[in-house]
C-alpha atoms as a PDB file:
ATOM      1  CA  UNK A   1      19.697  12.412 -15.484  1.00  0.00           C
ATOM      2  CA  UNK A   2      19.231  15.074 -18.129  1.00  0.00           C
ATOM      3  CA  UNK A   3      15.629  14.044 -18.697  1.00  0.00           C
ATOM      4  CA  UNK A   4      13.264  16.367 -16.724  1.00  0.00           C
ATOM      5  CA  UNK A   5      10.908  13.492 -15.926  1.00  0.00           C
ATOM      6  CA  UNK A   6      13.745  11.495 -14.344  1.00  0.00           C
ATOM      7  CA  UNK A   7      14.732  14.466 -12.187  1.00  0.00           C
ATOM      8  CA  UNK A   8      11.159  14.958 -10.988  1.00  0.00           C
ATOM      9  CA  UNK A   9      10.719  11.259 -10.313  1.00  0.00           C
ATOM     10  CA  UNK A  10      13.958  11.183  -8.313  1.00  0.00           C
ATOM     11  CA  UNK A  11      12.913  14.186  -6.214  1.00  0.00           C
ATOM     12  CA  UNK A  12       9.464  12.717  -5.623  1.00  0.00           C
ATOM     13  CA  UNK A  13      11.051   9.455  -4.481  1.00  0.00           C
ATOM     14  CA  UNK A  14      13.282  11.335  -2.054  1.00  0.00           C
ATOM     15  CA  UNK A  15      10.296  13.168  -0.564  1.00  0.00           C
ATOM     16  CA  UNK A  16       8.393   9.913  -0.191  1.00  0.00           C
ATOM     17  CA  UNK A  17      11.413   8.309   1.486  1.00  0.00           C
ATOM     18  CA  UNK A  18      11.482  11.127   4.052  1.00  0.00           C
ATOM     19  CA  UNK A  19       7.826  10.492   4.876  1.00  0.00           C
ATOM     20  CA  UNK A  20       8.411   6.748   5.136  1.00  0.00           C
ATOM     21  CA  UNK A  21      11.300   7.357   7.504  1.00  0.00           C
ATOM     22  CA  UNK A  22       9.044   9.248   9.885  1.00  0.00           C
ATOM     23  CA  UNK A  23       6.071   6.912   9.633  1.00  0.00           C
ATOM     24  CA  UNK A  24       7.742   3.509   9.447  1.00  0.00           C
ATOM     25  CA  UNK A  25      11.319   3.498  10.714  1.00  0.00           C
ATOM     26  CA  UNK A  26      11.245   5.992  13.593  1.00  0.00           C
ATOM     27  CA  UNK A  27       8.636   4.071  15.634  1.00  0.00           C
ATOM     28  CA  UNK A  28      10.771   0.928  15.337  1.00  0.00           C
ATOM     29  CA  UNK A  29      13.889   2.876  16.298  1.00  0.00           C
ATOM     30  CA  UNK A  30      12.223   4.393  19.374  1.00  0.00           C
ATOM     31  CA  UNK A  31      10.708   1.081  20.427  1.00  0.00           C
ATOM     32  CA  UNK A  32      14.147  -0.543  20.383  1.00  0.00           C
ATOM     33  CA  UNK A  33      15.993   2.422  21.883  1.00  0.00           C
ATOM     34  CA  UNK A  34      13.471   3.405  24.583  1.00  0.00           C
ATOM     35  CA  UNK A  35      11.126   0.435  25.229  1.00  0.00           C
ATOM     36  CA  UNK A  36       9.915   1.939  28.528  1.00  0.00           C
ATOM     37  CA  UNK A  37       8.489   4.962  26.655  1.00  0.00           C
ATOM     38  CA  UNK A  38       6.298   2.943  24.284  1.00  0.00           C
ATOM     39  CA  UNK A  39       2.957   4.492  25.287  1.00  0.00           C
ATOM     40  CA  UNK A  40       4.458   7.941  25.700  1.00  0.00           C
ATOM     41  CA  UNK A  41       5.959   7.805  22.216  1.00  0.00           C
ATOM     42  CA  UNK A  42       2.636   6.745  20.717  1.00  0.00           C
ATOM     43  CA  UNK A  43       0.796   9.651  22.344  1.00  0.00           C
ATOM     44  CA  UNK A  44       3.446  12.298  21.672  1.00  0.00           C
ATOM     45  CA  UNK A  45       4.019  11.144  18.091  1.00  0.00           C
ATOM     46  CA  UNK A  46       0.284  11.162  17.388  1.00  0.00           C
ATOM     47  CA  UNK A  47      -0.110  14.684  18.745  1.00  0.00           C
ATOM     48  CA  UNK A  48       2.933  15.915  16.820  1.00  0.00           C
ATOM     49  CA  UNK A  49       1.656  14.438  13.572  1.00  0.00           C
ATOM     50  CA  UNK A  50      -1.786  15.961  14.086  1.00  0.00           C
ATOM     51  CA  UNK A  51      -0.787  19.464  15.147  1.00  0.00           C
ATOM     52  CA  UNK A  52       2.535  19.949  13.350  1.00  0.00           C
ATOM     53  CA  UNK A  53       1.221  18.288  10.206  1.00  0.00           C
ATOM     54  CA  UNK A  54      -1.854  20.508  10.217  1.00  0.00           C
ATOM     55  CA  UNK A  55       0.199  23.670  10.736  1.00  0.00           C
ATOM     56  CA  UNK A  56       2.766  22.655   8.134  1.00  0.00           C
ATOM     57  CA  UNK A  57       0.144  21.919   5.499  1.00  0.00           C
ATOM     58  CA  UNK A  58      -1.822  25.078   6.244  1.00  0.00           C
ATOM     59  CA  UNK A  59       1.226  27.348   6.120  1.00  0.00           C
ATOM     60  CA  UNK A  60       2.735  25.648   3.069  1.00  0.00           C
ATOM     61  CA  UNK A  61      -0.591  25.702   1.246  1.00  0.00           C
ATOM     62  CA  UNK A  62      -1.152  29.376   2.014  1.00  0.00           C
ATOM     63  CA  UNK A  63       2.337  30.338   0.835  1.00  0.00           C
ATOM     64  CA  UNK A  64       1.994  28.158  -2.272  1.00  0.00           C
ATOM     65  CA  UNK A  65      -1.384  29.582  -3.212  1.00  0.00           C
ATOM     66  CA  UNK A  66      -0.263  33.163  -2.597  1.00  0.00           C
ATOM     67  CA  UNK A  67       2.857  32.990  -4.784  1.00  0.00           C
ATOM     68  CA  UNK A  68       1.797  30.428  -7.396  1.00  0.00           C
ATOM     69  CA  UNK A  69       0.872  33.058  -9.969  1.00  0.00           C
ATOM     70  CA  UNK A  70       4.349  34.660  -9.940  1.00  0.00           C
ATOM     71  CA  UNK A  71       6.327  31.467  -9.267  1.00  0.00           C
ATOM     72  CA  UNK A  72       4.743  28.439 -10.976  1.00  0.00           C
ATOM     73  CA  UNK A  73       7.088  25.957  -9.261  1.00  0.00           C
ATOM     74  CA  UNK A  74       6.630  27.359  -5.745  1.00  0.00           C
ATOM     75  CA  UNK A  75       4.805  24.284  -4.397  1.00  0.00           C
ATOM     76  CA  UNK A  76       7.622  21.958  -5.414  1.00  0.00           C
ATOM     77  CA  UNK A  77      10.141  24.419  -3.987  1.00  0.00           C
ATOM     78  CA  UNK A  78       8.266  24.495  -0.668  1.00  0.00           C
ATOM     79  CA  UNK A  79       8.385  20.692  -0.521  1.00  0.00           C
ATOM     80  CA  UNK A  80      12.113  20.650  -1.214  1.00  0.00           C
ATOM     81  CA  UNK A  81      12.904  23.345   1.343  1.00  0.00           C
ATOM     82  CA  UNK A  82      10.801  21.693   4.049  1.00  0.00           C
ATOM     83  CA  UNK A  83      12.482  18.345   3.374  1.00  0.00           C
ATOM     84  CA  UNK A  84      15.940  19.881   3.752  1.00  0.00           C
ATOM     85  CA  UNK A  85      14.894  21.725   6.938  1.00  0.00           C
ATOM     86  CA  UNK A  86      14.085  18.383   8.562  1.00  0.00           C
ATOM     87  CA  UNK A  87      17.670  17.117   8.238  1.00  0.00           C
ATOM     88  CA  UNK A  88      19.043  18.869  11.394  1.00  0.00           C
ATOM     89  CA  UNK A  89      16.019  17.686  13.378  1.00  0.00           C
ATOM     90  CA  UNK A  90      16.560  14.107  12.202  1.00  0.00           C
ATOM     91  CA  UNK A  91      20.238  14.283  13.171  1.00  0.00           C
ATOM     92  CA  UNK A  92      19.307  15.455  16.666  1.00  0.00           C
ATOM     93  CA  UNK A  93      16.551  12.870  16.871  1.00  0.00           C
ATOM     94  CA  UNK A  94      18.798   9.945  15.940  1.00  0.00           C
ATOM     95  CA  UNK A  95      21.883  11.071  17.868  1.00  0.00           C
ATOM     96  CA  UNK A  96      22.856   8.637  20.577  1.00  0.00           C
ATOM     97  CA  UNK A  97      22.559  10.944  23.585  1.00  0.00           C
ATOM     98  CA  UNK A  98      20.471   8.598  25.759  1.00  0.00           C
ATOM     99  CA  UNK A  99      17.768  11.124  26.655  1.00  0.00           C
ATOM    100  CA  UNK A 100      14.294  10.326  25.340  1.00  0.00           C
ATOM    101  CA  UNK A 101      12.911  13.826  25.806  1.00  0.00           C
ATOM    102  CA  UNK A 102      15.751  15.499  23.911  1.00  0.00           C
ATOM    103  CA  UNK A 103      15.285  13.143  20.979  1.00  0.00           C
END
């Protein structure tokens, strides 16, 4: 893993896996766990992806553009930090507490 390309490829794969988890596996999990909330999940998930995704991209892009001159790797750093910040949310989301609205 001393090759820089291998490190970057590994990190990129991890980021892609996080996106796949949200887009592919979570809907299946929620459908099995809370089948009575199928339509609610579709609506809430769609709104969250639209609004939170828009805000996240706008804020990350603004920060990246502002600091790119002084920190050339800031955009990759923003991606890494945002991926690690999702971990506590995913733990709460997948915890078996039995309450749809908490998860």
